[in-house]
Amino acid sequence: MSEFRHNLVTNEWVVVATERARRPSDFLRKEAQKPIPTYSEKCPFCPGNEKNTPVAVYRYPAEGDWQVRVVPNKFAALKPTESLEREQVGRYLKFGGFGYAEVVIETPLHNKTLGTLSVDEVFQVVLAYKARYDILSADERIDLVTIFRNHGERAGTSLEHPHSQIIATPLVPLRVRNQLEETQRYSANLGTCVFCDILKEEQKVGQRLVLETEHFVAFEPFASRSPFETWILPKRHQSVFGAIHLNELHDMAQIVHDVLYKIHTGLKNPDYNLILQSAPTKEDDVDYYHWYIRIIPRLTTPAGFEMGTGVYITTAYPEETAEFLRRVEVKES
């Protein structure tokens, strides 16, 4: 029998369609992938082509050959020079496209990804995330800082050079606000953080755990929207990413690397989206929200039912996909 499963964080339901269920190994990428060179002279993110991007707002190391660069997005949808003044247009409302849009160039090597870099190299990337998060969230006009990574065409990337993006907005979008309201409601009813409760449940049950480190837990959510959806949660309660400690950043680099290595190796380099979900910048010390990372491999395509109802149909049990990933051995890059 198929079954509905409930997502405690969003109050949404998903359907696990057992009649269509597929084994985790059925999702392995089957099409041949073209080899990617370590350098491309046409790539604006490769070393030597720095003139093709805006001036870096962050660079590591500060001198010599760079390992990580953060630059303003050359084709940004949002810019810090735009006006925040709201204007009534008939029955409608608008204001300038104010905000920040930045690109984190994760490595000089054109053919790498976070799962195939070394853990030390991934640490420098998450250190850049934290540095830019702190700067952008300090702007009083900013309400939300979103960090994300699109890997592959199906995930929406247009440049294959490994990079992440950071977008800071002067408003909290409805989807984020709805999640905040659901987590507030849960906390008001039960007196606890829904994420902390989920963390304890996953550690106790163990079936959906992918791996656990000193400061983080990675698991497949009970109500996964799609096969191999993976969440990474910090064990210490913290509502915004900016609250992370340095030793936790080291651990974050380890678990992000290991999970992405497992997905890259086990599923033969699928396209995916990685999103770091954090509370709004002005809600930096609340007891009802807990920042986390979502990784969504693009192995299926939402269709009319999903778009019409918001109820996603998945064809794999998270208990089985977690077991599959646990079995993928991580080797040092």
Protein backbone atom coordinates (compact mmCIF):
# COMPACT_ATOMS: atom_id res chain seq x y z
CA MET A 1 0.00 0.00 0.00
CA SER A 2 1.12 3.56 -0.72
CA GLU A 3 1.30 5.90 2.27
CA PHE A 4 1.14 9.57 3.17
CA ARG A 5 3.96 10.90 5.36
CA HIS A 6 3.89 14.17 7.30
CA ASN A 7 6.68 16.76 7.40
CA LEU A 8 6.81 18.23 10.93
CA VAL A 9 8.75 21.32 9.81
CA THR A 10 6.49 22.46 6.95
CA ASN A 11 3.20 20.72 7.89
CA GLU A 12 3.15 19.33 4.34
CA TRP A 13 2.39 15.79 3.24
CA VAL A 14 4.21 13.58 0.76
CA VAL A 15 3.16 10.29 -0.83
CA VAL A 16 5.47 7.28 -0.88
CA ALA A 17 4.17 5.40 -3.93
CA THR A 18 5.01 1.79 -3.16
CA GLU A 19 3.52 0.51 -6.43
CA ARG A 20 6.09 2.62 -8.28
CA ALA A 21 8.85 2.10 -5.72
CA ARG A 22 12.36 1.75 -7.07
CA ARG A 23 15.48 0.36 -5.47
CA PRO A 24 18.09 3.01 -4.57
CA SER A 25 20.47 1.59 -7.20
CA ASP A 26 17.84 2.31 -9.89
CA PHE A 27 18.59 6.03 -9.53
CA LEU A 28 22.24 5.80 -10.60
CA ARG A 29 23.02 8.19 -13.42
CA LYS A 30 23.15 6.15 -16.62
CA GLU A 31 24.05 8.63 -19.35
CA ALA A 32 27.74 9.07 -20.15
CA GLN A 33 29.30 12.28 -18.85
CA LYS A 34 31.79 14.23 -20.87
CA PRO A 35 35.20 14.68 -19.21
CA ILE A 36 35.73 18.14 -17.72
CA PRO A 37 39.15 19.79 -17.98
CA THR A 38 40.92 21.24 -14.93
CA TYR A 39 41.09 24.62 -16.73
CA SER A 40 39.00 26.39 -19.37
CA GLU A 41 40.25 29.57 -20.99
CA LYS A 42 36.63 30.58 -21.69
CA CYS A 43 35.55 30.22 -18.06
CA PRO A 44 35.33 33.55 -16.15
CA PHE A 45 35.96 31.74 -12.85
CA CYS A 46 39.22 30.04 -13.83
CA PRO A 47 42.58 31.53 -12.68
CA GLY A 48 43.90 34.15 -15.07
CA ASN A 49 40.39 35.28 -16.03
CA GLU A 50 39.75 37.38 -12.94
CA LYS A 51 39.26 40.47 -15.15
CA ASN A 52 36.01 38.88 -16.35
CA THR A 53 34.39 39.10 -12.90
CA PRO A 54 33.78 42.06 -10.58
CA VAL A 55 36.43 42.76 -7.95
CA ALA A 56 36.45 40.14 -5.19
CA VAL A 57 34.81 41.05 -1.86
CA TYR A 58 36.54 38.07 -0.21
CA ARG A 59 39.68 36.18 -1.13
CA TYR A 60 41.68 33.34 0.41
CA PRO A 61 44.57 33.62 0.72
CA ALA A 62 44.80 37.39 0.60
CA GLU A 63 48.00 37.30 -1.46
CA GLY A 64 49.41 34.94 -4.08
CA ASP A 65 47.43 32.24 -5.84
CA TRP A 66 43.84 32.19 -4.63
CA GLN A 67 41.98 29.14 -3.38
CA VAL A 68 38.54 30.72 -2.82
CA ARG A 69 37.12 33.96 -4.21
CA VAL A 70 33.78 35.66 -3.58
CA VAL A 71 32.66 38.17 -6.18
CA PRO A 72 29.45 40.15 -6.80
CA ASN A 73 27.32 38.41 -9.39
CA LYS A 74 27.99 40.15 -12.70
CA PHE A 75 24.40 39.50 -13.80
CA ALA A 76 22.75 40.02 -10.42
CA ALA A 77 18.96 40.23 -10.19
CA LEU A 78 19.41 42.29 -7.00
CA LYS A 79 21.79 45.20 -6.37
CA PRO A 80 22.61 47.21 -3.22
CA THR A 81 22.26 50.47 -5.18
CA GLU A 82 18.52 50.00 -5.82
CA SER A 83 15.89 51.90 -3.85
CA LEU A 84 13.87 50.35 -1.02
CA GLU A 85 11.11 52.94 -1.33
CA ARG A 86 7.78 51.26 -2.02
CA GLU A 87 5.55 52.56 -4.76
CA GLN A 88 1.84 52.00 -5.35
CA VAL A 89 1.00 51.15 -8.96
CA GLY A 90 -2.80 51.09 -9.14
CA ARG A 91 -3.80 48.16 -6.93
CA TYR A 92 -0.27 46.80 -6.97
CA LEU A 93 2.94 47.43 -5.00
CA LYS A 94 6.56 47.49 -6.11
CA PHE A 95 10.00 48.68 -5.04
CA GLY A 96 13.52 48.56 -6.44
CA GLY A 97 15.46 45.31 -6.73
CA PHE A 98 17.56 45.97 -3.64
CA GLY A 99 19.76 43.22 -2.26
CA TYR A 100 23.07 41.45 -2.67
CA ALA A 101 23.93 38.62 -5.02
CA GLU A 102 27.39 37.05 -4.73
CA VAL A 103 29.19 34.08 -6.21
CA VAL A 104 31.53 31.89 -4.14
CA ILE A 105 34.14 30.46 -6.53
CA GLU A 106 35.06 27.38 -4.53
CA THR A 107 38.33 26.33 -6.17
CA PRO A 108 40.64 27.30 -9.03
CA LEU A 109 40.10 23.82 -10.53
CA HIS A 110 37.41 23.76 -13.20
CA ASN A 111 36.53 20.06 -12.81
CA LYS A 112 36.08 19.73 -9.05
CA THR A 113 33.05 19.83 -6.75
CA LEU A 114 32.58 20.00 -2.98
CA GLY A 115 32.44 16.21 -2.81
CA THR A 116 35.74 15.76 -4.64
CA LEU A 117 37.76 18.54 -3.01
CA SER A 118 39.69 17.77 0.16
CA VAL A 119 38.03 18.44 3.52
CA ASP A 120 40.52 21.28 4.14
CA GLU A 121 39.48 22.87 0.83
CA VAL A 122 35.79 22.54 1.72
CA PHE A 123 36.57 24.18 5.07
CA GLN A 124 37.86 27.25 3.25
CA VAL A 125 34.60 27.38 1.28
CA VAL A 126 32.38 27.23 4.40
CA LEU A 127 34.67 29.78 6.06
CA ALA A 128 33.89 32.09 3.11
CA TYR A 129 30.17 31.38 3.60
CA LYS A 130 30.43 32.44 7.23
CA ALA A 131 32.50 35.57 6.52
CA ARG A 132 30.06 36.81 3.89
CA TYR A 133 27.01 35.82 5.95
CA ASP A 134 28.28 37.94 8.83
CA ILE A 135 28.92 40.97 6.60
CA LEU A 136 25.61 40.81 4.74
CA SER A 137 23.45 40.07 7.78
CA ALA A 138 24.94 43.11 9.54
CA ASP A 139 23.22 45.37 6.97
CA GLU A 140 20.07 46.60 8.75
CA ARG A 141 18.18 46.62 5.44
CA ILE A 142 18.67 42.86 4.98
CA ASP A 143 16.16 40.38 6.40
CA LEU A 144 17.34 37.06 4.97
CA VAL A 145 20.63 35.61 3.71
CA THR A 146 20.32 32.46 1.60
CA ILE A 147 23.31 30.34 0.62
CA PHE A 148 22.83 27.73 -2.08
CA ARG A 149 24.61 25.62 -4.65
CA ASN A 150 23.28 24.41 -8.02
CA HIS A 151 25.17 21.47 -9.48
CA GLY A 152 24.36 20.44 -13.04
CA GLU A 153 21.91 21.63 -15.67
CA ARG A 154 18.85 19.99 -14.10
CA ALA A 155 19.63 21.90 -10.91
CA GLY A 156 19.72 25.23 -12.75
CA THR A 157 23.43 25.95 -13.14
CA SER A 158 24.72 27.78 -16.21
CA LEU A 159 28.48 27.59 -15.50
CA GLU A 160 30.15 24.27 -14.74
CA HIS A 161 33.05 25.74 -12.72
CA PRO A 162 32.36 24.82 -9.06
CA HIS A 163 30.62 27.68 -7.32
CA SER A 164 27.95 28.54 -4.75
CA GLN A 165 25.77 31.63 -4.50
CA ILE A 166 24.71 33.95 -1.70
CA ILE A 167 21.62 36.14 -2.03
CA ALA A 168 20.58 38.65 0.63
CA THR A 169 17.08 40.11 0.45
CA PRO A 170 15.20 42.92 2.24
CA LEU A 171 12.18 40.68 2.81
CA VAL A 172 11.35 37.16 3.99
CA PRO A 173 9.66 35.23 1.15
CA LEU A 174 6.32 33.55 1.81
CA ARG A 175 7.67 29.97 1.73
CA VAL A 176 10.27 30.81 4.39
CA ARG A 177 7.71 32.74 6.45
CA ASN A 178 5.29 29.80 6.31
CA GLN A 179 7.98 27.46 7.63
CA LEU A 180 8.77 29.88 10.46
CA GLU A 181 5.10 30.02 11.40
CA GLU A 182 4.84 26.23 11.45
CA THR A 183 7.91 25.87 13.66
CA GLN A 184 6.60 28.61 15.99
CA ARG A 185 3.26 26.79 16.23
CA TYR A 186 5.04 23.52 17.07
CA SER A 187 7.12 25.23 19.76
CA ALA A 188 4.07 26.97 21.25
CA ASN A 189 2.17 23.65 21.45
CA LEU A 190 4.96 21.38 22.72
CA GLY A 191 7.49 23.77 24.23
CA THR A 192 10.38 22.35 22.18
CA CYS A 193 12.20 22.98 18.89
CA VAL A 194 10.87 20.77 16.10
CA PHE A 195 14.36 20.38 14.62
CA CYS A 196 15.86 19.31 17.94
CA ASP A 197 13.03 16.79 18.33
CA ILE A 198 13.59 15.45 14.81
CA LEU A 199 17.32 15.16 15.54
CA LYS A 200 16.67 13.07 18.66
CA GLU A 201 14.19 10.87 16.80
CA GLU A 202 16.57 10.17 13.92
CA GLN A 203 19.43 9.38 16.29
CA LYS A 204 17.17 7.03 18.29
CA VAL A 205 15.68 5.20 15.29
CA GLY A 206 18.85 5.17 13.19
CA GLN A 207 17.20 3.82 10.02
CA ARG A 208 17.39 7.11 8.13
CA LEU A 209 20.83 8.22 9.39
CA VAL A 210 23.48 8.68 6.71
CA LEU A 211 26.31 9.67 9.03
CA GLU A 212 26.99 11.47 12.28
CA THR A 213 29.93 13.61 13.40
CA GLU A 214 30.72 15.34 16.69
CA HIS A 215 28.58 18.39 15.89
CA PHE A 216 26.27 17.35 13.00
CA VAL A 217 23.85 14.66 11.89
CA ALA A 218 22.99 13.84 8.25
CA PHE A 219 19.83 11.87 7.50
CA GLU A 220 17.09 11.24 4.96
CA PRO A 221 13.89 12.98 6.18
CA PHE A 222 10.94 10.77 7.16
CA ALA A 223 8.78 12.69 4.65
CA SER A 224 11.37 13.18 1.88
CA ARG A 225 9.96 15.05 -1.09
CA SER A 226 12.18 13.18 -3.52
CA PRO A 227 14.61 10.22 -3.53
CA PHE A 228 17.87 10.82 -1.64
CA GLU A 229 16.82 14.19 -0.20
CA THR A 230 19.31 14.66 2.66
CA TRP A 231 19.30 17.05 5.61
CA ILE A 232 22.31 18.08 7.67
CA LEU A 233 21.52 19.53 11.12
CA PRO A 234 23.84 20.97 13.76
CA LYS A 235 23.41 19.21 17.12
CA ARG A 236 23.68 22.45 19.08
CA HIS A 237 20.55 24.55 18.79
CA GLN A 238 21.25 27.68 16.75
CA SER A 239 18.64 29.54 14.71
CA VAL A 240 20.98 31.31 12.28
CA PHE A 241 24.08 30.13 10.46
CA GLY A 242 26.01 33.10 11.84
CA ALA A 243 25.89 31.52 15.33
CA ILE A 244 28.18 28.63 14.32
CA HIS A 245 31.51 28.25 16.16
CA LEU A 246 34.86 27.72 14.47
CA ASN A 247 35.22 24.10 15.62
CA GLU A 248 31.71 23.45 14.28
CA LEU A 249 32.72 24.95 10.93
CA HIS A 250 35.53 22.38 10.69
CA ASP A 251 33.01 19.64 11.42
CA MET A 252 30.54 21.12 8.93
CA ALA A 253 33.18 20.95 6.21
CA GLN A 254 33.74 17.28 7.04
CA ILE A 255 30.10 16.24 6.92
CA VAL A 256 29.24 18.31 3.82
CA HIS A 257 32.22 16.80 2.03
CA ASP A 258 31.36 13.25 3.10
CA VAL A 259 27.66 13.45 2.21
CA LEU A 260 28.37 14.98 -1.19
CA TYR A 261 31.14 12.42 -1.80
CA LYS A 262 28.64 9.63 -1.08
CA ILE A 263 26.08 11.16 -3.44
CA HIS A 264 28.68 11.89 -6.13
CA THR A 265 30.21 8.42 -5.97
CA GLY A 266 27.18 6.30 -5.10
CA LEU A 267 24.81 7.88 -7.63
CA LYS A 268 27.45 8.65 -10.28
CA ASN A 269 27.51 12.45 -10.01
CA PRO A 270 23.83 13.45 -10.18
CA ASP A 271 22.69 17.04 -10.55
CA TYR A 272 21.61 18.48 -7.19
CA ASN A 273 20.67 21.60 -5.25
CA LEU A 274 22.17 22.40 -1.85
CA ILE A 275 20.41 25.04 0.25
CA LEU A 276 21.51 26.38 3.62
CA GLN A 277 18.25 27.37 5.34
CA SER A 278 18.66 29.92 8.12
CA ALA A 279 16.26 32.02 10.16
CA PRO A 280 15.91 35.69 9.18
CA THR A 281 18.80 37.86 10.28
CA LYS A 282 16.66 39.75 12.82
CA GLU A 283 15.57 36.46 14.45
CA ASP A 284 19.07 35.38 15.39
CA ASP A 285 18.30 33.94 18.84
CA VAL A 286 14.93 32.20 18.75
CA ASP A 287 14.10 28.84 20.30
CA TYR A 288 11.73 27.62 17.58
CA TYR A 289 14.03 27.55 14.55
CA HIS A 290 17.24 25.68 13.78
CA TRP A 291 19.33 26.32 10.66
CA TYR A 292 20.05 23.33 8.46
CA ILE A 293 21.26 22.21 5.04
CA ARG A 294 19.05 20.50 2.46
CA ILE A 295 20.57 18.53 -0.42
CA ILE A 296 18.13 17.55 -3.18
CA PRO A 297 19.50 15.32 -5.96
CA ARG A 298 17.59 15.99 -9.20
CA LEU A 299 16.64 12.38 -9.89
CA THR A 300 12.93 12.93 -10.61
CA THR A 301 10.82 15.73 -12.12
CA PRO A 302 7.79 17.21 -10.30
CA ALA A 303 4.71 17.00 -12.53
CA GLY A 304 1.14 18.30 -12.60
CA PHE A 305 -0.02 16.71 -9.34
CA GLU A 306 2.90 18.16 -7.37
CA MET A 307 2.50 21.62 -8.92
CA GLY A 308 -1.27 21.59 -8.49
CA THR A 309 -1.43 20.34 -4.91
CA GLY A 310 1.97 20.85 -3.32
CA VAL A 311 1.93 17.16 -2.36
CA TYR A 312 5.05 15.45 -3.68
CA ILE A 313 5.14 11.81 -4.76
CA THR A 314 8.39 9.97 -4.08
CA THR A 315 9.26 6.52 -5.38
CA ALA A 316 11.89 5.54 -2.82
CA TYR A 317 11.79 4.88 0.91
CA PRO A 318 14.16 7.19 2.84
CA GLU A 319 15.09 4.22 5.05
CA GLU A 320 16.44 2.42 1.96
CA THR A 321 18.21 5.43 0.43
CA ALA A 322 19.90 6.12 3.79
CA GLU A 323 21.14 2.53 3.95
CA PHE A 324 22.46 2.84 0.38
CA LEU A 325 24.42 6.01 1.23
CA ARG A 326 25.74 4.56 4.49
CA ARG A 327 27.35 1.76 2.48
CA VAL A 328 29.25 4.18 0.20
CA GLU A 329 32.77 4.34 1.61
CA VAL A 330 34.28 7.83 1.80
CA LYS A 331 37.86 8.09 0.60
CA GLU A 332 40.05 11.11 1.21
CA SER A 333 40.15 13.32 -1.90
